[in-house]
C-alpha atoms as a PDB file:
ATOM      1  CA  MET A   1      28.647 -84.039  86.676  1.00  0.00           C
ATOM      2  CA  SER A   2      31.215 -82.141  88.871  1.00  0.00           C
ATOM      3  CA  LYS A   3      29.881 -79.118  90.880  1.00  0.00           C
ATOM      4  CA  SER A   4      31.965 -76.707  88.765  1.00  0.00           C
ATOM      5  CA  ALA A   5      30.344 -78.153  85.415  1.00  0.00           C
ATOM      6  CA  GLN A   6      26.631 -77.690  87.199  1.00  0.00           C
ATOM      7  CA  LEU A   7      27.593 -74.314  88.220  1.00  0.00           C
ATOM      8  CA  ALA A   8      28.651 -73.327  84.430  1.00  0.00           C
ATOM      9  CA  CYS A   9      25.713 -75.198  83.008  1.00  0.00           C
ATOM     10  CA  VAL A  10      23.405 -73.122  85.466  1.00  0.00           C
ATOM     11  CA  MET A  11      24.991 -69.841  84.544  1.00  0.00           C
ATOM     12  CA  GLY A  12      24.649 -70.393  80.943  1.00  0.00           C
ATOM     13  CA  CYS A  13      20.837 -70.955  81.213  1.00  0.00           C
ATOM     14  CA  VAL A  14      20.572 -67.687  83.193  1.00  0.00           C
ATOM     15  CA  LEU A  15      22.520 -65.896  80.494  1.00  0.00           C
ATOM     16  CA  LEU A  16      20.393 -67.447  77.443  1.00  0.00           C
ATOM     17  CA  ALA A  17      17.206 -66.608  79.289  1.00  0.00           C
ATOM     18  CA  SER A  18      17.978 -62.990  80.367  1.00  0.00           C
ATOM     19  CA  THR A  19      18.846 -61.929  76.614  1.00  0.00           C
ATOM     20  CA  PRO A  20      15.492 -61.644  74.895  1.00  0.00           C
ATOM     21  CA  VAL A  21      14.489 -59.149  78.116  1.00  0.00           C
ATOM     22  CA  LEU A  22      17.758 -57.211  77.559  1.00  0.00           C
ATOM     23  CA  ALA A  23      16.894 -57.052  74.146  1.00  0.00           C
ATOM     24  CA  ALA A  24      13.330 -55.997  74.384  1.00  0.00           C
ATOM     25  CA  ASP A  25      14.280 -53.623  76.805  1.00  0.00           C
ATOM     26  CA  ASN A  26      17.000 -52.355  74.655  1.00  0.00           C
ATOM     27  CA  LEU A  27      14.426 -51.643  71.924  1.00  0.00           C
ATOM     28  CA  ALA A  28      11.737 -50.540  74.048  1.00  0.00           C
ATOM     29  CA  GLN A  29      14.278 -47.415  75.248  1.00  0.00           C
ATOM     30  CA  PRO A  30      14.958 -44.965  72.291  1.00  0.00           C
ATOM     31  CA  HIS A  31      18.444 -43.718  71.596  1.00  0.00           C
ATOM     32  CA  TYR A  32      19.118 -40.287  72.323  1.00  0.00           C
ATOM     33  CA  LYS A  33      21.120 -38.572  69.187  1.00  0.00           C
ATOM     34  CA  ALA A  34      22.149 -34.672  69.126  1.00  0.00           C
ATOM     35  CA  PRO A  35      20.430 -32.928  65.934  1.00  0.00           C
ATOM     36  CA  LEU A  36      22.398 -31.697  63.179  1.00  0.00           C
ATOM     37  CA  VAL A  37      22.887 -27.780  63.750  1.00  0.00           C
ATOM     38  CA  ALA A  38      23.133 -26.205  60.130  1.00  0.00           C
ATOM     39  CA  SER A  39      25.086 -23.352  59.734  1.00  0.00           C
ATOM     40  CA  ALA A  40      23.201 -19.986  58.698  1.00  0.00           C
ATOM     41  CA  PRO A  41      23.727 -19.724  54.834  1.00  0.00           C
ATOM     42  CA  TRP A  42      26.061 -16.889  53.513  1.00  0.00           C
ATOM     43  CA  SER A  43      24.061 -13.198  53.181  1.00  0.00           C
ATOM     44  CA  TRP A  44      25.429 -10.113  52.013  1.00  0.00           C
ATOM     45  CA  THR A  45      22.627  -8.422  54.505  1.00  0.00           C
ATOM     46  CA  GLY A  46      24.126  -6.123  57.056  1.00  0.00           C
ATOM     47  CA  PHE A  47      25.806  -2.929  58.104  1.00  0.00           C
ATOM     48  CA  TYR A  48      29.644  -2.811  57.271  1.00  0.00           C
ATOM     49  CA  VAL A  49      33.065  -0.245  57.388  1.00  0.00           C
ATOM     50  CA  GLY A  50      36.094  -0.739  55.675  1.00  0.00           C
ATOM     51  CA  ALA A  51      38.965   1.202  54.319  1.00  0.00           C
ATOM     52  CA  HIS A  52      40.094   1.899  50.411  1.00  0.00           C
ATOM     53  CA  ALA A  53      43.376   3.050  48.751  1.00  0.00           C
ATOM     54  CA  GLY A  54      43.975   4.219  45.087  1.00  0.00           C
ATOM     55  CA  TYR A  55      44.778   6.041  41.726  1.00  0.00           C
ATOM     56  CA  GLY A  56      42.867   8.812  40.286  1.00  0.00           C
ATOM     57  CA  TRP A  57      43.860  10.545  37.058  1.00  0.00           C
ATOM     58  CA  ASN A  58      42.199  13.379  34.858  1.00  0.00           C
ATOM     59  CA  ASP A  59      42.797  15.527  31.797  1.00  0.00           C
ATOM     60  CA  ALA A  60      41.723  18.759  33.215  1.00  0.00           C
ATOM     61  CA  GLN A  61      39.606  20.947  30.175  1.00  0.00           C
ATOM     62  CA  VAL A  62      41.445  24.324  30.984  1.00  0.00           C
ATOM     63  CA  SER A  63      40.725  27.396  29.393  1.00  0.00           C
ATOM     64  CA  LEU A  64      41.570  31.065  29.446  1.00  0.00           C
ATOM     65  CA  VAL A  65      39.308  33.818  28.178  1.00  0.00           C
ATOM     66  CA  PRO A  66      41.564  37.412  27.696  1.00  0.00           C
ATOM     67  CA  GLY A  67      40.044  40.621  28.685  1.00  0.00           C
ATOM     68  CA  PRO A  68      39.260  43.390  26.078  1.00  0.00           C
ATOM     69  CA  THR A  69      43.286  44.938  26.042  1.00  0.00           C
ATOM     70  CA  TRP A  70      44.547  41.570  25.840  1.00  0.00           C
ATOM     71  CA  GLY A  71      42.164  40.396  23.003  1.00  0.00           C
ATOM     72  CA  ALA A  72      43.208  43.499  21.206  1.00  0.00           C
ATOM     73  CA  VAL A  73      46.858  42.649  21.293  1.00  0.00           C
ATOM     74  CA  GLY A  74      46.920  38.810  20.967  1.00  0.00           C
ATOM     75  CA  GLY A  75      43.835  37.067  22.446  1.00  0.00           C
ATOM     76  CA  GLN A  76      44.311  33.917  20.237  1.00  0.00           C
ATOM     77  CA  TRP A  77      47.795  33.633  20.939  1.00  0.00           C
ATOM     78  CA  LEU A  78      47.070  33.837  24.720  1.00  0.00           C
ATOM     79  CA  ILE A  79      44.296  31.399  24.008  1.00  0.00           C
ATOM     80  CA  ASP A  80      46.322  28.992  22.206  1.00  0.00           C
ATOM     81  CA  ASN A  81      48.955  28.848  25.046  1.00  0.00           C
ATOM     82  CA  GLY A  82      46.999  29.371  28.088  1.00  0.00           C
ATOM     83  CA  SER A  83      44.108  26.474  27.289  1.00  0.00           C
ATOM     84  CA  PRO A  84      45.722  23.247  27.046  1.00  0.00           C
ATOM     85  CA  ALA A  85      44.471  19.792  28.658  1.00  0.00           C
ATOM     86  CA  LEU A  86      46.214  19.437  31.741  1.00  0.00           C
ATOM     87  CA  GLN A  87      47.026  16.003  33.031  1.00  0.00           C
ATOM     88  CA  THR A  88      46.800  15.209  36.460  1.00  0.00           C
ATOM     89  CA  SER A  89      47.308  12.000  38.764  1.00  0.00           C
ATOM     90  CA  GLY A  90      47.729  10.903  42.040  1.00  0.00           C
ATOM     91  CA  ALA A  91      47.005   8.821  45.083  1.00  0.00           C
ATOM     92  CA  LEU A  92      43.824   8.351  47.368  1.00  0.00           C
ATOM     93  CA  GLY A  93      42.767   6.809  49.970  1.00  0.00           C
ATOM     94  CA  GLY A  94      40.268   6.846  52.704  1.00  0.00           C
ATOM     95  CA  LEU A  95      37.235   5.026  54.606  1.00  0.00           C
ATOM     96  CA  GLN A  96      33.863   3.401  53.688  1.00  0.00           C
ATOM     97  CA  ALA A  97      30.710   2.339  55.364  1.00  0.00           C
ATOM     98  CA  GLY A  98      27.481   1.079  53.867  1.00  0.00           C
ATOM     99  CA  TYR A  99      24.535  -0.801  54.365  1.00  0.00           C
ATOM    100  CA  ASN A 100      23.452  -4.050  52.301  1.00  0.00           C
ATOM    101  CA  PHE A 101      20.001  -6.054  51.903  1.00  0.00           C
ATOM    102  CA  GLN A 102      19.663  -9.247  50.087  1.00  0.00           C
ATOM    103  CA  THR A 103      16.895 -10.790  48.342  1.00  0.00           C
ATOM    104  CA  ALA A 104      17.402 -13.908  46.688  1.00  0.00           C
ATOM    105  CA  ASN A 105      20.554 -12.999  44.402  1.00  0.00           C
ATOM    106  CA  TRP A 106      19.955  -9.674  44.114  1.00  0.00           C
ATOM    107  CA  VAL A 107      21.430  -7.030  46.829  1.00  0.00           C
ATOM    108  CA  TRP A 108      20.577  -3.464  47.262  1.00  0.00           C
ATOM    109  CA  GLY A 109      22.502  -1.064  49.524  1.00  0.00           C
ATOM    110  CA  VAL A 110      24.036   2.897  50.036  1.00  0.00           C
ATOM    111  CA  GLU A 111      27.379   3.584  50.618  1.00  0.00           C
ATOM    112  CA  ALA A 112      29.348   6.812  51.931  1.00  0.00           C
ATOM    113  CA  ASP A 113      33.133   7.592  51.823  1.00  0.00           C
ATOM    114  CA  PHE A 114      35.646   9.629  52.186  1.00  0.00           C
ATOM    115  CA  SER A 115      39.260   9.953  50.581  1.00  0.00           C
ATOM    116  CA  PHE A 116      42.372  12.079  51.122  1.00  0.00           C
ATOM    117  CA  ALA A 117      43.856  12.711  47.625  1.00  0.00           C
ATOM    118  CA  ASP A 118      46.945  14.303  45.817  1.00  0.00           C
ATOM    119  CA  ILE A 119      45.306  14.415  42.095  1.00  0.00           C
ATOM    120  CA  LYS A 120      47.334  16.948  40.633  1.00  0.00           C
ATOM    121  CA  GLY A 121      49.169  18.245  37.746  1.00  0.00           C
ATOM    122  CA  GLY A 122      50.907  21.546  36.370  1.00  0.00           C
ATOM    123  CA  ARG A 123      53.084  22.920  33.674  1.00  0.00           C
ATOM    124  CA  SER A 124      54.960  25.980  32.678  1.00  0.00           C
ATOM    125  CA  THR A 125      55.524  27.148  28.955  1.00  0.00           C
ATOM    126  CA  GLY A 126      58.830  29.060  29.961  1.00  0.00           C
ATOM    127  CA  SER A 127      59.161  31.947  27.346  1.00  0.00           C
ATOM    128  CA  LEU A 128      57.228  32.480  24.723  1.00  0.00           C
ATOM    129  CA  THR A 129      58.497  34.753  21.935  1.00  0.00           C
ATOM    130  CA  PRO A 130      57.852  36.116  19.348  1.00  0.00           C
ATOM    131  CA  PRO A 131      54.600  37.123  20.354  1.00  0.00           C
ATOM    132  CA  PRO A 132      52.157  39.185  18.326  1.00  0.00           C
ATOM    133  CA  ALA A 133      52.671  42.241  20.412  1.00  0.00           C
ATOM    134  CA  ALA A 134      55.245  43.932  22.293  1.00  0.00           C
ATOM    135  CA  ALA A 135      52.927  44.019  25.487  1.00  0.00           C
ATOM    136  CA  LEU A 136      53.203  40.513  25.554  1.00  0.00           C
ATOM    137  CA  ALA A 137      56.693  39.870  25.032  1.00  0.00           C
ATOM    138  CA  ASP A 138      58.240  37.276  26.987  1.00  0.00           C
ATOM    139  CA  ARG A 139      55.381  36.097  28.788  1.00  0.00           C
ATOM    140  CA  SER A 140      55.119  32.653  30.067  1.00  0.00           C
ATOM    141  CA  PHE A 141      52.145  30.252  31.145  1.00  0.00           C
ATOM    142  CA  THR A 142      52.151  28.870  34.775  1.00  0.00           C
ATOM    143  CA  GLU A 143      48.912  26.367  35.771  1.00  0.00           C
ATOM    144  CA  HIS A 144      48.478  24.346  38.524  1.00  0.00           C
ATOM    145  CA  ASP A 145      45.474  22.001  39.625  1.00  0.00           C
ATOM    146  CA  ASN A 146      44.592  19.992  42.449  1.00  0.00           C
ATOM    147  CA  VAL A 147      41.907  17.747  43.849  1.00  0.00           C
ATOM    148  CA  LYS A 148      42.513  17.349  47.570  1.00  0.00           C
ATOM    149  CA  TRP A 149      39.971  15.552  49.089  1.00  0.00           C
ATOM    150  CA  VAL A 150      36.519  13.578  47.546  1.00  0.00           C
ATOM    151  CA  SER A 151      33.683  12.288  49.126  1.00  0.00           C
ATOM    152  CA  THR A 152      30.670  10.426  47.479  1.00  0.00           C
ATOM    153  CA  PHE A 153      27.202   8.846  48.926  1.00  0.00           C
ATOM    154  CA  ARG A 154      25.701   6.620  46.349  1.00  0.00           C
ATOM    155  CA  GLY A 155      23.385   3.802  45.885  1.00  0.00           C
ATOM    156  CA  ARG A 156      24.390   0.348  44.869  1.00  0.00           C
ATOM    157  CA  LEU A 157      22.801  -2.243  43.306  1.00  0.00           C
ATOM    158  CA  GLY A 158      24.342  -5.573  42.840  1.00  0.00           C
ATOM    159  CA  TYR A 159      24.045  -9.323  41.578  1.00  0.00           C
ATOM    160  CA  ALA A 160      25.439 -12.214  43.823  1.00  0.00           C
ATOM    161  CA  VAL A 161      26.692 -14.865  40.380  1.00  0.00           C
ATOM    162  CA  GLN A 162      27.871 -16.920  43.225  1.00  0.00           C
ATOM    163  CA  GLN A 163      27.205 -16.844  47.100  1.00  0.00           C
ATOM    164  CA  ASP A 164      30.196 -15.133  47.774  1.00  0.00           C
ATOM    165  CA  LEU A 165      30.899 -12.866  44.835  1.00  0.00           C
ATOM    166  CA  LEU A 166      28.829  -9.493  44.435  1.00  0.00           C
ATOM    167  CA  VAL A 167      28.896  -7.907  41.274  1.00  0.00           C
ATOM    168  CA  TYR A 168      27.273  -4.196  41.543  1.00  0.00           C
ATOM    169  CA  ALA A 169      26.859  -0.791  39.780  1.00  0.00           C
ATOM    170  CA  THR A 170      26.914   2.216  42.060  1.00  0.00           C
ATOM    171  CA  GLY A 171      26.297   6.246  41.316  1.00  0.00           C
ATOM    172  CA  GLY A 172      25.154   8.966  43.492  1.00  0.00           C
ATOM    173  CA  LEU A 173      26.706  12.778  44.567  1.00  0.00           C
ATOM    174  CA  ALA A 174      30.167  13.570  45.080  1.00  0.00           C
ATOM    175  CA  VAL A 175      31.509  16.525  46.929  1.00  0.00           C
ATOM    176  CA  GLY A 176      35.529  17.449  46.553  1.00  0.00           C
ATOM    177  CA  ARG A 177      37.974  20.134  47.102  1.00  0.00           C
ATOM    178  CA  HIS A 178      39.470  21.583  43.913  1.00  0.00           C
ATOM    179  CA  ASP A 179      42.404  23.695  43.724  1.00  0.00           C
ATOM    180  CA  PHE A 180      43.321  25.698  40.624  1.00  0.00           C
ATOM    181  CA  SER A 181      45.888  28.646  39.520  1.00  0.00           C
ATOM    182  CA  GLN A 182      46.597  30.053  36.445  1.00  0.00           C
ATOM    183  CA  ALA A 183      49.315  32.955  35.646  1.00  0.00           C
ATOM    184  CA  VAL A 184      50.603  34.816  32.918  1.00  0.00           C
ATOM    185  CA  VAL A 185      53.734  36.447  33.467  1.00  0.00           C
ATOM    186  CA  ARG A 186      56.946  37.922  32.250  1.00  0.00           C
ATOM    187  CA  SER A 187      59.281  35.563  31.928  1.00  0.00           C
ATOM    188  CA  VAL A 188      62.473  38.010  32.817  1.00  0.00           C
ATOM    189  CA  GLY A 189      62.847  41.447  33.667  1.00  0.00           C
ATOM    190  CA  PHE A 190      60.240  43.651  35.101  1.00  0.00           C
ATOM    191  CA  SER A 191      56.930  42.126  35.863  1.00  0.00           C
ATOM    192  CA  PHE A 192      54.806  44.695  33.833  1.00  0.00           C
ATOM    193  CA  ASN A 193      51.208  43.047  33.527  1.00  0.00           C
ATOM    194  CA  ASP A 194      51.872  40.168  35.304  1.00  0.00           C
ATOM    195  CA  ILE A 195      48.279  38.570  35.812  1.00  0.00           C
ATOM    196  CA  ARG A 196      48.154  35.428  38.336  1.00  0.00           C
ATOM    197  CA  ASN A 197      44.529  34.023  38.962  1.00  0.00           C
ATOM    198  CA  SER A 198      43.765  31.096  41.617  1.00  0.00           C
ATOM    199  CA  ILE A 199      40.503  29.485  43.579  1.00  0.00           C
ATOM    200  CA  SER A 200      39.865  26.912  46.010  1.00  0.00           C
ATOM    201  CA  GLU A 201      36.622  25.931  46.176  1.00  0.00           C
ATOM    202  CA  THR A 202      34.545  23.056  47.235  1.00  0.00           C
ATOM    203  CA  LYS A 203      32.576  21.509  44.709  1.00  0.00           C
ATOM    204  CA  VAL A 204      29.338  19.468  44.469  1.00  0.00           C
ATOM    205  CA  GLY A 205      28.739  16.908  41.517  1.00  0.00           C
ATOM    206  CA  TRP A 206      28.015  13.189  40.597  1.00  0.00           C
ATOM    207  CA  ALA A 207      29.901   9.925  40.723  1.00  0.00           C
ATOM    208  CA  ALA A 208      29.390   6.810  38.818  1.00  0.00           C
ATOM    209  CA  GLY A 209      30.485   3.173  38.361  1.00  0.00           C
ATOM    210  CA  ALA A 210      30.981  -0.468  39.162  1.00  0.00           C
ATOM    211  CA  GLY A 211      32.751  -2.910  40.882  1.00  0.00           C
ATOM    212  CA  LEU A 212      33.175  -6.474  42.358  1.00  0.00           C
ATOM    213  CA  GLU A 213      33.254  -7.665  45.853  1.00  0.00           C
ATOM    214  CA  TYR A 214      34.258 -11.216  47.115  1.00  0.00           C
ATOM    215  CA  ALA A 215      33.689 -12.775  50.395  1.00  0.00           C
ATOM    216  CA  LEU A 216      36.785 -14.096  52.275  1.00  0.00           C
ATOM    217  CA  SER A 217      34.721 -15.176  55.278  1.00  0.00           C
ATOM    218  CA  ARG A 218      31.476 -14.520  57.207  1.00  0.00           C
ATOM    219  CA  ASN A 219      32.724 -11.131  58.175  1.00  0.00           C
ATOM    220  CA  TRP A 220      35.556  -9.795  55.642  1.00  0.00           C
ATOM    221  CA  SER A 221      35.389  -9.102  52.073  1.00  0.00           C
ATOM    222  CA  VAL A 222      37.519  -7.527  49.288  1.00  0.00           C
ATOM    223  CA  LYS A 223      36.616  -5.243  46.455  1.00  0.00           C
ATOM    224  CA  GLY A 224      37.644  -3.656  43.574  1.00  0.00           C
ATOM    225  CA  GLU A 225      35.996  -0.575  41.932  1.00  0.00           C
ATOM    226  CA  TYR A 226      36.013   1.905  39.123  1.00  0.00           C
ATOM    227  CA  LEU A 227      34.564   5.367  40.271  1.00  0.00           C
ATOM    228  CA  TYR A 228      34.238   8.384  37.497  1.00  0.00           C
ATOM    229  CA  ILE A 229      33.875  11.548  39.573  1.00  0.00           C
ATOM    230  CA  ASP A 230      32.455  15.079  37.796  1.00  0.00           C
ATOM    231  CA  LEU A 231      32.917  17.791  40.180  1.00  0.00           C
ATOM    232  CA  GLY A 232      31.992  20.499  37.739  1.00  0.00           C
ATOM    233  CA  LYS A 233      34.019  23.674  36.804  1.00  0.00           C
ATOM    234  CA  VAL A 234      36.079  26.273  39.048  1.00  0.00           C
ATOM    235  CA  GLY A 235      36.772  29.740  37.449  1.00  0.00           C
ATOM    236  CA  THR A 236      38.541  32.843  38.436  1.00  0.00           C
ATOM    237  CA  THR A 237      39.116  36.225  37.131  1.00  0.00           C
ATOM    238  CA  GLY A 238      42.419  37.914  37.026  1.00  0.00           C
ATOM    239  CA  ASP A 239      43.275  41.498  36.549  1.00  0.00           C
ATOM    240  CA  SER A 240      47.154  43.060  35.910  1.00  0.00           C
ATOM    241  CA  ASN A 241      48.769  43.801  38.830  1.00  0.00           C
ATOM    242  CA  THR A 242      49.976  47.002  37.716  1.00  0.00           C
ATOM    243  CA  ALA A 243      46.896  48.992  36.282  1.00  0.00           C
ATOM    244  CA  PRO A 244      43.920  46.830  37.980  1.00  0.00           C
ATOM    245  CA  GLY A 245      40.758  47.565  36.123  1.00  0.00           C
ATOM    246  CA  PHE A 246      42.818  49.175  33.274  1.00  0.00           C
ATOM    247  CA  GLY A 247      41.238  45.920  30.884  1.00  0.00           C
ATOM    248  CA  LEU A 248      44.338  43.809  30.973  1.00  0.00           C
ATOM    249  CA  THR A 249      42.194  40.985  32.552  1.00  0.00           C
ATOM    250  CA  ILE A 250      41.815  37.135  31.897  1.00  0.00           C
ATOM    251  CA  ASN A 251      38.931  34.486  33.024  1.00  0.00           C
ATOM    252  CA  SER A 252      40.428  30.870  33.727  1.00  0.00           C
ATOM    253  CA  SER A 253      38.746  27.651  34.487  1.00  0.00           C
ATOM    254  CA  SER A 254      39.549  24.303  34.935  1.00  0.00           C
ATOM    255  CA  GLN A 255      37.245  21.488  34.921  1.00  0.00           C
ATOM    256  CA  ALA A 256      37.934  18.355  37.289  1.00  0.00           C
ATOM    257  CA  THR A 257      36.390  15.061  35.859  1.00  0.00           C
ATOM    258  CA  LEU A 258      38.077  12.185  37.572  1.00  0.00           C
ATOM    259  CA  HIS A 259      38.717   8.815  37.026  1.00  0.00           C
ATOM    260  CA  THR A 260      39.777   6.588  39.850  1.00  0.00           C
ATOM    261  CA  ALA A 261      40.516   2.906  40.562  1.00  0.00           C
ATOM    262  CA  ARG A 262      39.959   1.724  44.249  1.00  0.00           C
ATOM    263  CA  ALA A 263      40.675  -1.356  46.040  1.00  0.00           C
ATOM    264  CA  GLY A 264      39.214  -1.934  49.326  1.00  0.00           C
ATOM    265  CA  LEU A 265      38.630  -4.036  52.275  1.00  0.00           C
ATOM    266  CA  ASN A 266      35.018  -4.530  54.179  1.00  0.00           C
ATOM    267  CA  TYR A 267      34.327  -6.000  57.496  1.00  0.00           C
ATOM    268  CA  LYS A 268      30.538  -6.650  57.996  1.00  0.00           C
ATOM    269  CA  PHE A 269      28.458  -7.179  61.483  1.00  0.00           C
ATOM    270  CA  ASP A 270      26.645 -10.070  62.080  1.00  0.00           C
END
């Protein structure tokens, strides 16, 4: 046998002899494998802030009650022409902030929001003739109603129908600014016994509604919401501009009950 053949034979024997030892050493030394890191489950729990925009509308319940002298010369004519439902509508938008706490599928929370608004309407009848008395000749009615801003402070109770989809009901306190004016004026000629009423008042009422919120990611969500807002009634009394205290007075009022539909975007802090 040549020397090269003898060397190859020796190397093969050495490898065969070492294989069981290496295998045993491999079995004896455990392999390290990094554990899988499970992502935290989605939860609605946490503080959030956001913005919203929407639309509001209302049939304001306007009323006019004539004073004693007006009543004598055509009170019902005044009431019929000066007390219609006044349709108002307009845009609104603002900011909101709140906190949610989730237990199983139930989500409890509170939310406060502020909306700038331009929910308004008006009408003018033009000259109304013939009236039932000469004192009312050529009279017209002018009315304006406007809710300028509204803020709500509400509780929320929701149910996560899916991990990322929340259905909720909401209700609580509402505060808003309500402007109203009503005038009974002579359409043409001398403004004898014209009466102009106006009031601007911050009102406290209540709000209730429902909505849907959908999580786009761990931090961002979008929502759609309907709120019914009742700010109560504002009222004012006007007297004749030519004979104050003479009895040519009218009492006017407007009831602000708003329907609002809003879409919003929220950011939840981890």
